[in-house]
Amino acid sequence: MLGARLRAAREAQKVSLRSVASAIGVSPSLLSQIENGKTNPSVDTLYALVQQLGISVDAMLGISGAGDGATITAADPGAGAEPAGTIVQTLADTPVIEMENGVRWERLAVLPGQDAEALRVTYQPGASSSVEGHLMRHLGCEHLVIVSGELLVRFEGEEVVLHEGDSMAFDSRLPHLFVNTADRPALGIWYVLGRQAQLEHEHLEAGHGDAEGVAPNSAVDVMRTFREP
């Protein structure tokens, strides 16, 4: 499903598989396997693909509108109903992305129009956000809390181990890597805030005019934004 959506987004823009692979720094064969559902991307590869193709996390999950995968109450709720404008997303309706090396994203409910991504994330023992050990960076600010297990967060020249109940917030443009070095799964809740606002700000500063829905135009933009060599 994820691969098919990534392929559809690429074909809609009339760009070749080879050019996208080159732009994000992966081999055409790997991208072909991802698009055909034969392998799953790592977290850093997925971030790079999303930005290069100009699509959202919701689009990757097959959510085309505010109500997909959730229940939105009516404007005049009856007795026992949730307040108007409330989104209730059941566990059964929770969209999921399984990524390479034992990382799982579950999209949580967010009110429409919010510049926020909410995820329940699981790192299996040995799993990391980059199979190759790359530090990645992306737009937005990350807020997370570890629900169970522990997770190592690596920055340039510094490591922090988060245990159950620990929380952290940082600018996602700082090069970082998540690794589960423990012998049990690490489960956490993530909120990434302000990604679109930062993208629009960078685009306007570069003098490109209206930034709504904009994506970087070159490999340099993508690699600068998302991955540290």
Protein backbone atom coordinates (compact mmCIF):
# COMPACT_ATOMS: atom_id res chain seq x y z
CA MET A 1 0.00 0.00 0.00
CA LEU A 2 2.69 2.49 1.02
CA GLY A 3 4.80 1.65 -2.02
CA ALA A 4 1.85 2.00 -4.36
CA ARG A 5 1.04 5.45 -2.95
CA LEU A 6 4.65 6.57 -3.32
CA ARG A 7 4.69 5.33 -6.93
CA ALA A 8 1.38 7.08 -7.69
CA ALA A 9 2.73 10.36 -6.26
CA ARG A 10 5.87 10.07 -8.37
CA GLU A 11 3.97 9.21 -11.56
CA ALA A 12 1.52 12.07 -10.96
CA GLN A 13 4.48 14.44 -11.10
CA LYS A 14 5.80 12.74 -14.26
CA VAL A 15 9.25 12.15 -12.80
CA SER A 16 11.26 8.99 -13.36
CA LEU A 17 12.09 6.45 -10.70
CA ARG A 18 15.79 6.92 -11.47
CA SER A 19 15.66 10.71 -10.96
CA VAL A 20 13.87 10.42 -7.62
CA ALA A 21 16.28 7.72 -6.44
CA SER A 22 19.23 9.92 -7.41
CA ALA A 23 17.71 12.93 -5.65
CA ILE A 24 17.34 11.18 -2.30
CA GLY A 25 20.58 9.21 -2.49
CA VAL A 26 19.31 5.63 -2.87
CA SER A 27 19.68 3.12 -5.69
CA PRO A 28 16.94 2.81 -8.36
CA SER A 29 16.64 -0.89 -7.49
CA LEU A 30 15.91 -0.09 -3.84
CA LEU A 31 13.28 2.50 -4.77
CA SER A 32 11.72 0.01 -7.22
CA GLN A 33 11.50 -2.59 -4.44
CA ILE A 34 9.88 -0.02 -2.13
CA GLU A 35 7.31 1.00 -4.76
CA ASN A 36 6.50 -2.64 -5.53
CA GLY A 37 6.05 -3.53 -1.86
CA LYS A 38 9.01 -5.93 -1.81
CA THR A 39 10.79 -4.00 0.93
CA ASN A 40 9.98 -1.20 3.34
CA PRO A 41 11.87 2.11 3.56
CA SER A 42 13.81 3.16 6.61
CA VAL A 43 12.65 6.26 8.49
CA ASP A 44 15.26 8.52 6.89
CA THR A 45 14.49 7.22 3.37
CA LEU A 46 10.77 7.72 3.95
CA TYR A 47 11.27 11.31 5.13
CA ALA A 48 13.39 12.06 2.06
CA LEU A 49 10.77 10.54 -0.29
CA VAL A 50 7.94 12.48 1.33
CA GLN A 51 9.75 15.76 0.94
CA GLN A 52 10.99 15.09 -2.59
CA LEU A 53 7.49 14.15 -3.77
CA GLY A 54 5.78 16.95 -1.85
CA ILE A 55 3.31 14.68 -0.07
CA SER A 56 2.17 14.50 3.55
CA VAL A 57 2.24 11.73 6.12
CA ASP A 58 -1.54 11.50 5.74
CA ALA A 59 -1.17 10.98 1.99
CA MET A 60 1.29 8.14 2.60
CA LEU A 61 -1.24 6.54 4.90
CA GLY A 62 -4.01 6.84 2.32
CA ILE A 63 -5.88 9.57 4.21
CA SER A 64 -7.31 12.00 1.67
CA GLY A 65 -9.64 13.96 3.93
CA ALA A 66 -10.21 14.94 7.52
CA GLY A 67 -12.65 12.10 8.12
CA ASP A 68 -10.72 9.21 6.58
CA GLY A 69 -9.83 6.64 9.20
CA ALA A 70 -11.69 8.54 11.93
CA THR A 71 -15.12 9.56 13.11
CA ILE A 72 -15.96 13.29 13.20
CA THR A 73 -19.05 14.17 15.19
CA ALA A 74 -21.90 16.20 13.78
CA ALA A 75 -22.21 19.95 14.37
CA ASP A 76 -25.15 19.38 16.75
CA PRO A 77 -24.26 16.28 18.78
CA GLY A 78 -26.98 14.35 20.51
CA ALA A 79 -26.99 12.99 24.01
CA GLY A 80 -23.85 11.02 24.78
CA ALA A 81 -22.05 12.17 21.64
CA GLU A 82 -18.63 13.78 21.55
CA PRO A 83 -18.52 17.59 21.19
CA ALA A 84 -18.70 19.00 17.68
CA GLY A 85 -15.35 19.09 15.91
CA THR A 86 -13.98 16.16 17.89
CA ILE A 87 -12.21 13.33 16.08
CA VAL A 88 -12.51 9.83 17.48
CA GLN A 89 -10.17 7.31 15.89
CA THR A 90 -10.55 3.69 16.93
CA LEU A 91 -7.60 1.34 17.22
CA ALA A 92 -9.02 -0.74 14.38
CA ASP A 93 -9.07 2.34 12.11
CA THR A 94 -5.56 3.51 12.98
CA PRO A 95 -3.40 3.80 9.83
CA VAL A 96 -0.05 2.02 10.12
CA ILE A 97 3.30 2.17 8.32
CA GLU A 98 5.72 -0.72 8.85
CA MET A 99 9.26 0.33 8.00
CA GLU A 100 12.54 -1.43 7.51
CA ASN A 101 14.43 -2.79 10.48
CA GLY A 102 11.52 -3.05 12.91
CA VAL A 103 10.14 0.50 13.09
CA ARG A 104 6.37 0.95 13.16
CA TRP A 105 4.41 4.22 12.82
CA GLU A 106 0.75 4.47 13.83
CA ARG A 107 -0.94 7.74 12.93
CA LEU A 108 -2.92 9.27 15.80
CA ALA A 109 -5.88 11.62 15.53
CA VAL A 110 -5.20 15.28 14.76
CA LEU A 111 -7.78 17.98 14.11
CA PRO A 112 -7.84 19.11 10.46
CA GLY A 113 -5.88 22.21 9.57
CA GLN A 114 -3.28 21.71 12.30
CA ASP A 115 0.41 21.86 11.38
CA ALA A 116 1.06 18.73 13.42
CA GLU A 117 1.82 15.06 12.94
CA ALA A 118 0.91 12.70 15.78
CA LEU A 119 2.37 9.21 15.84
CA ARG A 120 2.60 6.19 18.11
CA VAL A 121 6.03 4.76 17.29
CA THR A 122 7.55 1.36 18.10
CA TYR A 123 11.25 0.51 17.76
CA GLN A 124 11.95 -3.22 18.05
CA PRO A 125 15.24 -4.31 19.68
CA GLY A 126 18.09 -3.30 17.37
CA ALA A 127 15.89 -1.03 15.24
CA SER A 128 17.02 2.44 14.23
CA SER A 129 15.76 5.35 12.15
CA SER A 130 18.55 4.72 9.62
CA VAL A 131 19.80 1.26 8.68
CA GLU A 132 23.08 2.85 7.56
CA GLY A 133 23.44 4.81 10.79
CA HIS A 134 22.95 8.23 9.14
CA LEU A 135 21.99 11.18 11.27
CA MET A 136 18.90 12.69 9.69
CA ARG A 137 17.26 16.07 10.00
CA HIS A 138 13.92 17.40 8.86
CA LEU A 139 11.67 20.39 9.33
CA GLY A 140 9.53 20.87 12.42
CA CYS A 141 9.99 20.45 16.16
CA GLU A 142 9.79 17.01 17.74
CA HIS A 143 8.08 16.31 21.06
CA LEU A 144 8.14 12.74 22.34
CA VAL A 145 7.57 10.68 25.44
CA ILE A 146 8.66 7.08 26.01
CA VAL A 147 5.72 4.95 27.14
CA SER A 148 7.69 1.74 27.65
CA GLY A 149 11.21 0.47 27.08
CA GLU A 150 14.11 2.81 26.33
CA LEU A 151 15.46 4.59 23.27
CA LEU A 152 18.85 6.10 22.50
CA VAL A 153 18.81 9.48 20.73
CA ARG A 154 22.10 10.34 19.04
CA PHE A 155 23.04 13.88 18.08
CA GLU A 156 26.38 15.13 16.76
CA GLY A 157 28.83 14.43 19.57
CA GLU A 158 26.14 13.60 22.14
CA GLU A 159 23.87 10.69 23.10
CA VAL A 160 20.81 10.68 25.34
CA VAL A 161 19.06 7.53 26.58
CA LEU A 162 15.36 8.02 27.24
CA HIS A 163 13.70 5.61 29.66
CA GLU A 164 10.05 4.89 30.39
CA GLY A 165 8.31 8.14 31.31
CA ASP A 166 11.09 10.38 29.98
CA SER A 167 10.21 13.07 27.45
CA MET A 168 12.19 15.23 25.06
CA ALA A 169 11.65 18.15 22.71
CA PHE A 170 14.10 19.38 20.08
CA ASP A 171 14.35 21.17 16.77
CA SER A 172 14.14 18.42 14.14
CA ARG A 173 16.67 20.28 11.99
CA LEU A 174 19.35 19.10 14.43
CA PRO A 175 20.97 15.97 12.94
CA HIS A 176 19.69 13.02 14.96
CA LEU A 177 19.27 9.26 15.02
CA PHE A 178 17.01 6.99 17.08
CA VAL A 179 18.29 3.54 18.09
CA ASN A 180 16.83 0.87 20.36
CA THR A 181 19.86 -0.75 21.96
CA ALA A 182 17.80 -2.60 24.59
CA ASP A 183 16.42 -6.13 24.47
CA ARG A 184 12.73 -5.16 24.46
CA PRO A 185 10.59 -2.92 22.23
CA ALA A 186 10.56 0.83 22.81
CA LEU A 187 7.15 2.48 22.49
CA GLY A 188 6.68 6.23 22.35
CA ILE A 189 4.29 8.99 21.37
CA TRP A 190 5.60 11.60 18.92
CA TYR A 191 4.27 15.01 17.91
CA VAL A 192 6.08 16.80 15.10
CA LEU A 193 4.91 20.42 14.99
CA GLY A 194 5.45 23.26 12.52
CA ARG A 195 6.88 21.32 9.59
CA GLN A 196 4.78 23.07 6.93
CA ALA A 197 5.27 26.51 8.46
CA GLN A 198 9.05 26.10 8.41
CA LEU A 199 8.97 24.85 4.83
CA GLU A 200 6.94 27.86 3.72
CA HIS A 201 9.25 30.21 5.63
CA GLU A 202 12.37 28.74 4.00
CA HIS A 203 10.75 28.92 0.58
CA LEU A 204 9.75 32.56 1.00
CA GLU A 205 13.20 33.49 2.30
CA ALA A 206 14.66 31.95 -0.84
CA GLY A 207 12.49 34.34 -2.88
CA HIS A 208 10.23 31.74 -4.50
CA GLY A 209 6.94 33.53 -3.82
CA ASP A 210 3.87 31.60 -2.69
CA ALA A 211 5.04 28.60 -0.68
CA GLU A 212 1.80 26.71 -0.14
CA GLY A 213 2.32 23.01 -0.75
CA VAL A 214 5.85 23.57 -2.02
CA ALA A 215 8.53 20.87 -2.06
CA PRO A 216 12.26 21.17 -2.69
CA ASN A 217 13.20 21.13 -6.37
CA SER A 218 16.58 19.47 -6.25
CA ALA A 219 18.66 16.79 -4.63
CA VAL A 220 20.65 19.51 -2.87
CA ASP A 221 17.48 20.81 -1.19
CA VAL A 222 16.41 17.35 -0.08
CA MET A 223 19.77 16.24 1.22
CA ARG A 224 20.34 19.58 2.98
CA THR A 225 17.01 19.26 4.74
CA PHE A 226 16.85 15.59 5.56
CA ARG A 227 20.12 13.75 5.81
CA GLU A 228 23.59 14.25 7.17
CA PRO A 229 26.26 12.21 5.32
